[in-house]
Protein backbone atom coordinates (compact mmCIF):
# COMPACT_ATOMS: atom_id res chain seq x y z
CA MET A 1 165.84 76.70 173.37
CA SER A 2 164.62 79.40 170.98
CA ALA A 3 166.82 82.24 169.78
CA GLU A 4 164.86 84.72 171.86
CA HIS A 5 165.36 82.74 175.06
CA ARG A 6 169.06 82.32 174.30
CA LEU A 7 169.42 86.08 173.85
CA ALA A 8 167.52 86.66 177.07
CA ALA A 9 169.83 84.26 178.90
CA TRP A 10 172.89 86.05 177.50
CA ALA A 11 171.40 89.39 178.54
CA ALA A 12 170.85 88.19 182.10
CA ALA A 13 174.36 86.72 182.28
CA THR A 14 175.94 89.89 180.89
CA ALA A 15 173.97 92.08 183.28
CA LEU A 16 175.17 89.95 186.18
CA LEU A 17 178.76 90.02 184.88
CA PHE A 18 178.83 93.77 184.41
CA GLY A 19 176.84 94.50 187.55
CA LEU A 20 180.11 95.18 189.33
CA ALA A 21 180.77 98.01 186.91
CA GLY A 22 177.74 100.10 187.81
CA PRO A 23 178.04 103.50 189.45
CA GLY A 24 177.40 104.31 193.06
CA SER A 25 178.58 101.95 195.76
CA ALA A 26 180.92 100.06 193.41
CA TYR A 27 183.13 103.11 193.25
CA GLY A 28 182.08 104.94 196.36
CA GLN A 29 180.89 107.69 193.98
CA GLU A 30 177.56 109.00 192.85
CA ALA A 31 176.74 109.94 189.29
CA THR A 32 177.99 113.48 189.65
CA PRO A 33 176.90 115.30 186.46
CA ALA A 34 173.75 117.13 187.41
CA ARG A 35 172.09 116.56 184.05
CA GLU A 36 171.52 112.99 182.92
CA LEU A 37 171.17 113.21 179.16
CA ALA A 38 169.52 110.65 176.94
CA LEU A 39 171.60 108.10 175.05
CA PRO A 40 171.69 108.61 171.29
CA PRO A 41 169.16 106.35 169.54
CA LEU A 42 170.29 103.30 167.62
CA PRO A 43 169.90 103.24 163.84
CA PRO A 44 166.58 101.69 162.76
CA GLN A 45 168.24 98.52 161.52
CA LEU A 46 169.78 97.91 164.95
CA ALA A 47 166.83 98.93 167.09
CA PRO A 48 164.95 96.09 168.86
CA ALA A 49 161.41 95.21 167.94
CA ALA A 50 158.65 97.41 169.30
CA ASP A 51 156.81 94.53 170.97
CA ALA A 52 156.93 95.79 174.54
CA THR A 53 154.98 92.76 175.78
CA ALA A 54 157.85 90.36 175.05
CA PRO A 55 159.89 90.05 178.28
CA TRP A 56 163.11 89.40 176.41
CA ASN A 57 162.87 92.82 174.70
CA ALA A 58 163.77 94.58 177.94
CA ASP A 59 166.68 92.17 178.41
CA LEU A 60 167.91 92.92 174.89
CA ARG A 61 167.74 96.64 175.56
CA ALA A 62 169.63 96.19 178.83
CA LEU A 63 172.24 94.08 177.02
CA ARG A 64 172.62 96.69 174.32
CA ASP A 65 173.05 99.47 176.87
CA ARG A 66 175.55 97.46 178.88
CA LEU A 67 177.64 96.53 175.85
CA THR A 68 177.51 100.07 174.46
CA ASP A 69 178.32 101.75 177.76
CA PRO A 70 179.16 99.19 180.48
CA LEU A 71 180.19 101.88 182.98
CA ARG A 72 176.99 103.91 182.49
CA VAL A 73 178.67 107.16 181.61
CA PRO A 74 176.20 110.01 181.06
CA GLN A 75 176.09 110.70 177.34
CA ALA A 76 175.02 113.69 175.28
CA ASP A 77 173.74 113.27 171.76
CA GLY A 78 174.12 116.91 170.71
CA ARG A 79 170.36 117.55 170.65
CA ALA A 80 169.49 117.75 174.35
CA LEU A 81 169.70 121.54 174.44
CA LEU A 82 168.03 122.18 171.12
CA PRO A 83 164.63 123.87 171.19
CA ALA A 84 161.54 121.79 170.68
CA THR A 85 161.19 123.05 167.14
CA VAL A 86 164.47 121.41 166.16
CA GLY A 87 164.04 117.76 165.36
CA SER A 88 166.41 114.94 164.58
CA ALA A 89 165.98 115.17 160.81
CA PRO A 90 169.06 115.34 158.55
CA CYS A 91 170.72 118.70 158.12
CA PRO A 92 168.79 120.80 155.59
CA VAL A 93 170.14 122.24 152.38
CA ALA A 94 169.41 125.70 151.06
CA ASP A 95 166.90 124.46 148.49
CA ALA A 96 164.95 122.57 151.18
CA LEU A 97 164.57 125.47 153.61
CA PRO A 98 161.01 126.79 154.00
CA GLU A 99 159.99 130.01 152.30
CA PRO A 100 159.74 132.47 153.88
CA LEU A 101 162.43 131.47 156.37
CA ALA A 102 161.28 131.97 159.96
CA LEU A 103 163.74 132.61 162.79
CA SER A 104 163.09 129.17 164.29
CA ASP A 105 163.92 127.52 160.95
CA ALA A 106 167.13 129.53 160.68
CA VAL A 107 168.16 128.44 164.19
CA ALA A 108 167.36 124.80 163.43
CA ALA A 109 169.54 124.90 160.33
CA ALA A 110 172.38 126.72 162.11
CA LEU A 111 172.50 124.28 165.02
CA CYS A 112 172.68 121.45 162.52
CA LEU A 113 175.29 122.99 160.23
CA ASN A 114 177.32 125.39 162.36
CA PRO A 115 180.80 123.96 163.11
CA GLN A 116 181.08 125.73 166.47
CA TRP A 117 178.00 123.93 167.77
CA ARG A 118 179.19 120.56 166.46
CA ALA A 119 182.59 121.11 168.08
CA SER A 120 181.01 121.92 171.46
CA ALA A 121 178.82 118.80 171.25
CA ALA A 122 181.87 116.68 170.38
CA ALA A 123 183.74 118.17 173.35
CA VAL A 124 181.01 116.83 175.63
CA GLN A 125 181.52 113.35 174.15
CA VAL A 126 185.27 113.64 174.76
CA GLN A 127 184.78 114.49 178.42
CA ALA A 128 182.11 111.79 178.82
CA ALA A 129 184.69 109.28 177.58
CA GLY A 130 187.10 110.68 180.17
CA VAL A 131 184.57 109.91 182.91
CA GLY A 132 184.35 106.32 181.65
CA GLU A 133 188.13 106.05 181.68
CA ALA A 134 188.27 107.33 185.27
CA ARG A 135 185.61 104.85 186.38
CA ALA A 136 187.45 102.01 184.68
CA ALA A 137 190.38 102.55 187.06
CA TYR A 138 188.32 100.84 189.79
CA LEU A 139 188.18 97.55 187.86
CA PRO A 140 190.87 94.86 187.61
CA ARG A 141 193.16 94.42 184.61
CA VAL A 142 193.35 90.94 183.09
CA ASN A 143 195.77 89.92 180.31
CA LEU A 144 196.20 86.64 178.45
CA GLY A 145 199.25 85.59 176.43
CA LEU A 146 200.07 82.77 174.04
CA GLY A 147 203.43 82.07 172.42
CA ARG A 148 204.81 79.50 170.00
CA LEU A 149 208.57 79.08 170.49
CA ARG A 150 211.40 77.01 169.10
CA THR A 151 214.33 76.39 171.39
CA ALA A 152 217.59 75.09 169.88
CA THR A 153 220.59 73.94 172.00
CA SER A 154 224.03 73.44 170.48
CA TYR A 155 227.07 71.64 172.04
CA PRO A 156 230.17 72.49 169.96
CA ASP A 157 232.38 69.99 171.80
CA MET A 158 229.94 67.09 171.60
CA GLU A 159 229.12 65.85 168.13
CA GLY A 160 225.49 64.77 167.72
CA ALA A 161 224.33 66.20 171.03
CA ASP A 162 222.51 69.24 169.55
CA SER A 163 218.78 69.39 170.12
CA ALA A 164 215.78 71.49 169.08
CA ALA A 165 212.23 71.56 170.32
CA TRP A 166 208.97 73.38 169.60
CA GLY A 167 206.65 74.37 172.39
CA THR A 168 203.74 76.59 173.39
CA THR A 169 203.76 78.95 176.33
CA ARG A 170 200.67 80.37 177.95
CA GLN A 171 200.25 82.98 180.62
CA ALA A 172 197.52 84.92 182.38
CA THR A 173 198.02 87.92 184.65
CA ALA A 174 195.59 89.96 186.73
CA ASN A 175 196.12 93.16 188.67
CA TRP A 176 193.62 94.96 190.87
CA ARG A 177 194.43 98.13 192.76
CA VAL A 178 192.66 97.78 196.07
CA TRP A 179 193.87 100.95 197.78
CA ASP A 180 195.44 104.19 196.58
CA PHE A 181 194.73 106.88 199.22
CA GLY A 182 192.26 108.75 197.02
CA ALA A 183 194.06 109.03 193.66
CA ARG A 184 191.31 107.31 191.66
CA SER A 185 188.60 109.21 193.50
CA ALA A 186 190.34 112.51 192.74
CA ASN A 187 190.75 111.58 189.06
CA LEU A 188 187.07 110.63 188.84
CA GLY A 189 186.09 113.93 190.45
CA LEU A 190 188.32 115.74 187.94
CA ALA A 191 186.66 113.94 185.03
CA ASP A 192 183.20 114.75 186.38
CA ARG A 193 184.06 118.44 186.75
CA LEU A 194 185.46 118.56 183.22
CA LEU A 195 182.27 116.98 181.91
CA GLU A 196 180.20 119.59 183.75
CA ALA A 197 182.42 122.30 182.24
CA ALA A 198 181.92 120.85 178.75
CA LEU A 199 178.16 120.82 179.24
CA ALA A 200 178.18 124.42 180.45
CA ASN A 201 180.42 125.45 177.54
CA ARG A 202 177.95 123.85 175.17
CA ASP A 203 175.17 125.86 176.83
CA ALA A 204 177.22 129.03 176.44
CA THR A 205 177.95 128.20 172.79
CA LEU A 206 174.23 127.76 172.18
CA GLN A 207 173.41 131.13 173.74
CA ARG A 208 176.19 132.85 171.81
CA LEU A 209 175.14 131.31 168.50
CA LEU A 210 171.48 132.16 169.09
CA GLY A 211 172.34 135.76 169.95
CA ASP A 212 174.59 136.20 166.91
CA LEU A 213 172.16 134.49 164.56
CA THR A 214 169.24 136.54 165.91
CA SER A 215 171.08 139.80 165.22
CA ARG A 216 172.02 138.74 161.70
CA TYR A 217 168.51 137.47 160.97
CA TYR A 218 166.89 140.74 161.95
CA ASP A 219 169.57 142.71 160.12
CA ALA A 220 168.70 140.79 156.97
CA GLN A 221 164.98 141.15 157.55
CA THR A 222 165.37 144.87 158.25
CA ALA A 223 167.32 145.31 155.03
CA ARG A 224 164.60 143.48 153.13
CA ALA A 225 161.85 145.56 154.75
CA ALA A 226 163.83 148.74 154.04
CA GLU A 227 164.09 147.70 150.40
CA ARG A 228 160.33 147.30 150.19
CA ALA A 229 159.86 150.66 151.91
CA GLN A 230 162.20 152.21 149.35
CA GLN A 231 160.14 150.65 146.58
CA GLU A 232 157.11 152.41 148.02
CA ALA A 233 159.14 155.63 148.18
CA VAL A 234 159.87 155.27 144.47
CA ALA A 235 156.15 154.83 143.84
CA LEU A 236 155.41 157.99 145.81
CA ALA A 237 158.06 159.89 143.88
CA ARG A 238 156.55 158.75 140.60
CA ASN A 239 153.13 159.91 141.74
CA SER A 240 154.58 163.31 142.65
CA HIS A 241 156.34 163.49 139.28
CA ALA A 242 153.11 162.58 137.49
CA SER A 243 151.21 165.21 139.47
CA ALA A 244 153.82 167.84 138.54
CA LEU A 245 153.50 166.87 134.87
CA ARG A 246 149.72 167.25 135.01
CA ARG A 247 149.95 170.67 136.62
CA GLU A 248 152.57 171.78 134.10
CA ALA A 249 150.32 170.60 131.25
CA ARG A 250 147.44 172.69 132.65
CA GLY A 251 149.74 175.69 133.03
CA ALA A 252 149.33 175.65 136.80
CA ALA A 253 153.01 174.94 137.54
CA ALA A 254 156.36 175.91 136.10
CA ALA A 255 158.80 173.51 134.49
CA ILE A 256 161.08 173.81 137.53
CA ASP A 257 158.50 171.90 139.59
CA THR A 258 158.61 169.03 137.14
CA LEU A 259 162.40 169.01 137.16
CA GLN A 260 162.50 168.97 140.96
CA ALA A 261 160.02 166.09 141.03
CA ARG A 262 162.11 164.28 138.41
CA SER A 263 165.23 164.82 140.54
CA ALA A 264 163.43 163.42 143.63
CA LEU A 265 162.39 160.36 141.60
CA ALA A 266 165.97 159.75 140.44
CA LYS A 267 167.22 160.05 144.00
CA ALA A 268 164.59 157.56 145.21
CA GLU A 269 165.62 155.10 142.50
CA LEU A 270 169.28 155.52 143.53
CA MET A 271 168.40 154.81 147.14
CA LEU A 272 166.46 151.73 146.02
CA ALA A 273 169.52 150.39 144.20
CA ARG A 274 171.64 150.92 147.34
CA SER A 275 168.99 149.27 149.48
CA ARG A 276 169.04 146.20 147.26
CA GLY A 277 172.81 145.96 147.66
CA GLN A 278 172.49 146.20 151.45
CA THR A 279 169.85 143.47 151.37
CA ARG A 280 172.16 141.11 149.47
CA GLN A 281 175.03 141.87 151.87
CA ALA A 282 172.88 141.23 154.97
CA GLN A 283 171.60 137.98 153.49
CA ALA A 284 175.16 136.87 152.74
CA GLU A 285 176.07 137.41 156.41
CA LEU A 286 173.01 135.42 157.50
CA VAL A 287 173.90 132.58 155.12
CA HIS A 288 177.40 132.48 156.62
CA ALA A 289 176.04 132.49 160.18
CA ILE A 290 173.76 129.55 159.41
CA GLY A 291 176.56 127.60 157.75
CA LEU A 292 175.02 127.28 154.29
CA PRO A 293 177.00 127.52 151.03
CA ALA A 294 177.89 131.08 150.10
CA ALA A 295 175.74 131.00 146.95
CA SER A 296 172.56 130.13 148.88
CA VAL A 297 169.58 132.44 148.48
CA LEU A 298 167.17 132.88 151.39
CA VAL A 299 163.62 134.17 151.27
CA LEU A 300 162.73 136.11 154.42
CA PRO A 301 159.37 137.50 155.55
CA ASP A 302 158.58 140.86 153.93
CA THR A 303 157.36 142.44 157.16
CA LEU A 304 158.50 142.37 160.75
CA ASP A 305 156.28 140.88 163.42
CA THR A 306 154.44 143.43 165.52
CA MET A 307 154.01 142.72 169.21
CA ARG A 308 153.29 144.62 172.38
CA PRO A 309 156.66 145.85 173.68
CA ASP A 310 157.31 145.01 177.32
CA ASP A 311 159.73 146.69 179.67
CA PRO A 312 162.69 144.41 180.44
CA GLY A 313 162.57 145.16 184.17
CA GLU A 314 165.26 146.09 186.65
CA LEU A 315 168.90 145.52 185.69
CA SER A 316 169.70 144.17 189.16
CA LEU A 317 167.42 141.17 188.58
CA TRP A 318 169.20 140.34 185.34
CA LEU A 319 172.61 140.62 187.00
CA THR A 320 171.50 138.24 189.75
CA GLU A 321 170.34 135.75 187.13
CA VAL A 322 173.71 136.00 185.38
CA GLN A 323 175.70 135.34 188.54
CA GLN A 324 173.65 132.28 189.41
CA HIS A 325 172.79 130.58 186.13
CA HIS A 326 174.73 131.98 183.17
CA PRO A 327 176.30 129.08 181.22
CA ALA A 328 179.67 130.82 180.79
CA VAL A 329 179.83 131.48 184.53
CA ALA A 330 178.81 127.89 185.26
CA ALA A 331 181.56 126.67 182.92
CA ALA A 332 184.14 128.86 184.69
CA ARG A 333 183.01 127.55 188.10
CA ALA A 334 183.33 123.99 186.82
CA GLN A 335 186.85 124.79 185.61
CA VAL A 336 187.73 126.02 189.10
CA GLU A 337 186.43 122.80 190.63
CA ALA A 338 188.31 120.81 187.99
CA ALA A 339 191.55 122.62 188.79
CA ARG A 340 191.10 121.88 192.49
CA ALA A 341 190.36 118.22 191.72
CA ARG A 342 193.48 118.11 189.55
CA ALA A 343 195.55 119.41 192.44
CA ASP A 344 194.05 116.74 194.73
CA ALA A 345 194.80 114.05 192.15
CA THR A 346 198.39 115.26 191.78
CA ARG A 347 198.86 115.15 195.54
CA ALA A 348 197.26 111.69 195.84
CA GLU A 349 199.40 110.20 193.05
CA GLY A 350 202.45 110.64 195.25
CA LEU A 351 200.97 108.46 198.04
CA PRO A 352 201.43 104.68 198.49
CA THR A 353 199.33 102.17 196.51
CA LEU A 354 198.33 98.59 197.27
CA ASP A 355 197.74 96.13 194.40
CA LEU A 356 196.46 92.57 194.34
CA ASN A 357 198.41 90.55 191.75
CA GLY A 358 197.87 87.10 190.31
CA SER A 359 199.76 85.24 187.54
CA TRP A 360 199.67 81.84 185.87
CA TYR A 361 202.36 80.53 183.51
CA ALA A 362 202.56 77.32 181.45
CA ASN A 363 205.82 75.98 179.99
CA GLY A 364 207.93 79.03 180.81
CA TYR A 365 207.79 82.75 181.23
CA PRO A 366 207.27 85.53 178.65
CA ASN A 367 210.36 86.56 176.64
CA GLN A 368 212.30 83.51 177.88
CA GLY A 369 213.06 80.11 176.42
CA LEU A 370 210.91 77.02 176.76
CA SER A 371 211.09 75.04 179.93
CA SER A 372 212.76 71.63 179.50
CA LEU A 373 209.72 70.07 181.15
CA ARG A 374 206.04 70.86 181.12
CA THR A 375 205.45 73.30 183.96
CA ARG A 376 202.56 75.15 185.59
CA VAL A 377 203.36 78.12 187.84
CA ALA A 378 200.76 80.16 189.73
CA THR A 379 201.53 83.17 191.91
CA MET A 380 199.34 85.50 193.97
CA GLY A 381 200.21 88.30 196.35
CA LEU A 382 199.92 91.91 197.44
CA THR A 383 202.26 94.66 196.28
CA LEU A 384 202.73 97.81 198.32
CA SER A 385 204.39 100.64 196.39
CA ILE A 386 205.74 103.58 198.41
CA PRO A 387 207.16 106.52 196.42
CA LEU A 388 210.22 107.73 198.27
CA PHE A 389 212.02 110.11 195.93
CA GLU A 390 210.97 111.37 192.49
CA GLY A 391 213.52 114.09 192.00
CA TRP A 392 211.13 116.68 193.46
CA SER A 393 209.00 116.34 190.34
CA ARG A 394 205.92 115.78 192.48
CA ASP A 395 206.48 119.10 194.26
CA TYR A 396 206.70 120.97 190.98
CA LYS A 397 203.62 119.21 189.61
CA LEU A 398 201.70 120.22 192.73
CA LYS A 399 202.87 123.83 192.42
CA GLY A 400 201.75 123.85 188.79
CA ALA A 401 198.35 122.42 189.75
CA GLN A 402 197.92 125.07 192.44
CA ALA A 403 198.82 127.78 189.92
CA GLN A 404 196.14 126.37 187.62
CA VAL A 405 193.63 126.78 190.46
CA ALA A 406 194.57 130.45 190.76
CA GLN A 407 194.33 130.80 186.98
CA ALA A 408 190.87 129.21 186.93
CA GLU A 409 189.67 131.47 189.75
CA ALA A 410 190.84 134.50 187.77
CA GLY A 411 188.98 133.13 184.75
CA LEU A 412 185.83 132.87 186.86
CA GLN A 413 186.10 136.51 187.87
CA GLN A 414 186.63 137.45 184.24
CA ALA A 415 183.61 135.43 183.15
CA LEU A 416 181.45 137.08 185.82
CA GLY A 417 182.58 140.53 184.76
CA GLN A 418 182.13 139.85 181.04
CA ALA A 419 178.67 138.33 181.52
CA ALA A 420 177.56 141.25 183.68
CA PHE A 421 178.90 143.74 181.12
CA ASP A 422 177.12 141.97 178.25
CA VAL A 423 173.83 141.92 180.16
CA ALA A 424 174.09 145.57 181.19
CA LYS A 425 174.89 146.58 177.61
CA ALA A 426 172.03 144.48 176.22
CA HIS A 427 169.65 145.81 178.88
CA ASP A 428 170.49 149.41 177.97
CA GLY A 429 170.08 148.55 174.29
CA THR A 430 166.66 147.02 174.96
CA GLN A 431 165.44 150.05 176.87
CA ALA A 432 166.77 152.38 174.17
CA ALA A 433 165.07 150.32 171.45
CA LEU A 434 161.81 150.37 173.42
CA ALA A 435 161.89 154.16 173.77
CA GLY A 436 162.88 154.57 170.12
CA LEU A 437 160.01 152.37 169.01
CA ARG A 438 157.47 154.57 170.81
CA HIS A 439 158.91 157.78 169.34
CA ALA A 440 159.11 156.22 165.87
CA ASP A 441 155.37 155.51 165.96
CA GLU A 442 154.65 159.14 166.78
CA LEU A 443 157.03 160.33 164.05
CA LEU A 444 155.41 158.08 161.44
CA ASP A 445 151.89 159.26 162.26
CA ALA A 446 152.90 162.91 162.07
CA ALA A 447 154.90 162.49 158.84
CA ARG A 448 152.07 160.56 157.18
CA ALA A 449 149.53 163.24 158.03
CA ALA A 450 151.88 166.00 156.82
CA HIS A 451 152.52 164.26 153.50
CA GLU A 452 148.84 163.61 152.85
CA SER A 453 148.03 167.25 153.62
CA ALA A 454 150.82 168.50 151.34
CA GLY A 455 149.61 166.27 148.53
CA ARG A 456 146.08 167.62 148.75
CA ARG A 457 147.35 171.21 148.89
CA TYR A 458 149.56 170.69 145.84
CA GLU A 459 146.72 169.13 143.81
CA ARG A 460 144.47 172.13 144.61
CA GLY A 461 147.24 174.54 143.65
CA VAL A 462 147.67 175.94 147.16
CA GLY A 463 151.03 174.34 147.98
CA ASP A 464 154.26 174.23 145.98
CA ILE A 465 156.48 171.38 144.87
CA THR A 466 159.09 172.10 147.55
CA GLU A 467 156.57 171.52 150.32
CA LEU A 468 155.38 168.30 148.70
CA LEU A 469 158.89 166.92 148.21
CA ASN A 470 159.97 167.88 151.72
CA THR A 471 157.02 166.12 153.34
CA GLN A 472 157.51 163.19 151.00
CA GLY A 473 161.13 162.83 152.11
CA ALA A 474 160.16 163.19 155.75
CA TYR A 475 157.51 160.50 155.35
CA ASN A 476 159.96 158.11 153.69
CA GLU A 477 162.50 158.70 156.45
CA ALA A 478 159.85 158.17 159.14
CA ARG A 479 158.83 154.84 157.61
CA TYR A 480 162.45 153.72 157.50
CA GLU A 481 163.00 154.78 161.12
CA ARG A 482 159.89 152.83 162.12
CA LEU A 483 161.26 149.69 160.43
CA ARG A 484 164.72 150.17 161.90
CA THR A 485 163.53 150.73 165.46
CA LEU A 486 161.14 147.76 165.23
CA ALA A 487 164.01 145.53 164.09
CA GLU A 488 166.24 146.93 166.82
CA TRP A 489 163.59 146.07 169.39
CA HIS A 490 163.22 142.52 168.09
CA ALA A 491 166.97 141.96 168.06
CA ALA A 492 167.64 143.73 171.37
CA ARG A 493 165.13 141.72 173.39
CA LEU A 494 166.48 138.38 172.12
CA VAL A 495 170.09 139.51 172.51
CA LEU A 496 169.28 140.40 176.14
CA LEU A 497 167.93 136.89 176.73
CA ALA A 498 171.01 135.37 175.10
CA ALA A 499 173.37 137.61 177.10
CA ALA A 500 171.65 136.50 180.30
CA GLY A 501 171.92 132.85 179.28
CA VAL A 502 168.16 132.23 179.38
CA LEU A 503 167.37 132.17 175.65
CA ASN A 504 165.98 128.63 175.70
CA THR A 505 163.56 129.03 172.82
CA VAL A 506 163.62 130.47 169.33
CA ASP A 507 160.08 131.81 169.52
CA ALA A 508 160.25 135.11 167.70
CA ARG A 509 157.64 136.53 170.08
CA GLN A 510 159.48 135.72 173.31
CA THR A 511 159.44 138.71 175.63
CA PRO A 512 162.57 139.82 177.51
CA THR A 513 161.47 138.64 180.95
CA LEU A 514 163.28 136.40 183.38
CA PRO A 515 162.01 132.83 183.88
CA ARG A 516 159.90 132.34 186.97
C-alpha cells in the first residue's frame, strides 16, 4: 500500500473515531456562536499539496482539522474583522510604510501592531478554548497506569524465611458521566455566551481603535496642511514686504510702511515655526496610536481629500442602530446571558449525577503491594452521587451568581447609555462640522477677493499698508479655518460611524450614512 493510501486510511479511521466528538446531536447542542470564523491557515511547510483531484487530499485535510480541533470549536484568527485592505502580510515597520501614508495604510499597520487589538483577538482564542473544554465534558475519561514494584517480606522470628519479589502492575480506568441534570449543558451555554461576548468585545475594540486612529490621523494631516498654509502665508508676507520696499524706493510710501510689512513677515515666520512644532507633536501622537517606535517619521498627504458633504440624517435612526447592533451593547448583552448561564450552572452542580465506571487491574491495585499471585480484576458499574449537605456553600454560590446577573444587567444599561451618548455627541459634531465647512468656504472666497483687491489698490498707490496687511491676515486666517473645518468634517463623519459601531471600512471617502 502506498504512503498516500495509508494516510487516507488513517484519515478515514480517525474521522470515524472522532465522529462521536462532533457538535450537534452528540451533545444535544447546536453550534451556538452566530459567526463561524475561518480556521487560521497552516504554515506553507505544513499545508497539503494543491492537487485537488487527489481524493486523499480531502482526507488529509479532514484529518488535520480533526487532530487540530477534534471538537470543532469555532476559531478566530484575529483577521476576520479586518477590512479588505488589510492582508495577512507580516507587520510593517516604519521604513516600509508607503509614502504618503493613506488612512487605510495607517489602520492596517495599527491593527497589526496595536497591543489592544492583539489582546482582544487573544481573548477570543481563550474563550474558544473554553468552549472546547465545555464540550469535552460530554466525553468519557480513560486512564492507563503501569507500575514496577519490589515487594520485600521479612520474618524476624524465622531465620531464612525472608523473601523479595519484583513485579509489574497494570491498570485501566474509564469514567463516563451519563446524566447530570443539566450541569454540562449549562456550562456549555456559559462558554458559548462568553465566546460571543469576546467576539463582540473585539468588534468594539476595533471600532474604538478606528475612531481614535481616525481622529489622530486627521489631526496630524491638519497640522501638516496648516504648516503648508503658513508657508504660503510667509510667501505672501514677503511679497507684501517687497512691494513696500519698491514703493519706498520710488518715494511713494513712507518707511513706516516697510517696517510694518517687515513686522508682518516676522510674525508669519514665527507662526510657521510654531506650526512646524505642532506638526511634529501631532505626528508623534499618530505614531503612538499606530504602535510604531517613537522615533518613526511618517509622510502624510499634503492636502485633505475634498468630497461632497452629506447630511448624517436623523439622530433617532442612529440611536436605533446603536441599540440593536452596537458591538459594546452586544457584548454587554452577551455578558448578561453568560451571567444567567452561570447561575444555571451553579444551580445544576448541586443536583445528583450518574456515572458509568469501569476498571481493570493486573497484579494488584495502585499504591498497594504486589499480589502474591498473578491476578486480573475487572469491575464495571453505575455510581449515583447525591449531594446532601455542603455547608450551605451552594446557597451562597447561587446568591453570588444571581448578584452577578444583576451586575451584568446594570452594565448593559450603562453600555446602552454610553453608546447613545457617544452617538449623539458625534452626530452633533458632524452637523456642526458640516455647517462650519459651508461657512468656511464663503469666508475663504470673500477673504481671497478682499486681499486681491487690497493688493491691487496698494500697487496703484490708492490703498495703504494697513489695509493690505489686514486683508492679508484675514486671508491667511480664512485659509486656516477652511483647512481646520475640512479636517473636522473628515474626522467627525468617521467618528460618528465608529461611535455607532458601523465603521466596517477604512475608506477615507465613506459617508456618514447607516448601512441599508
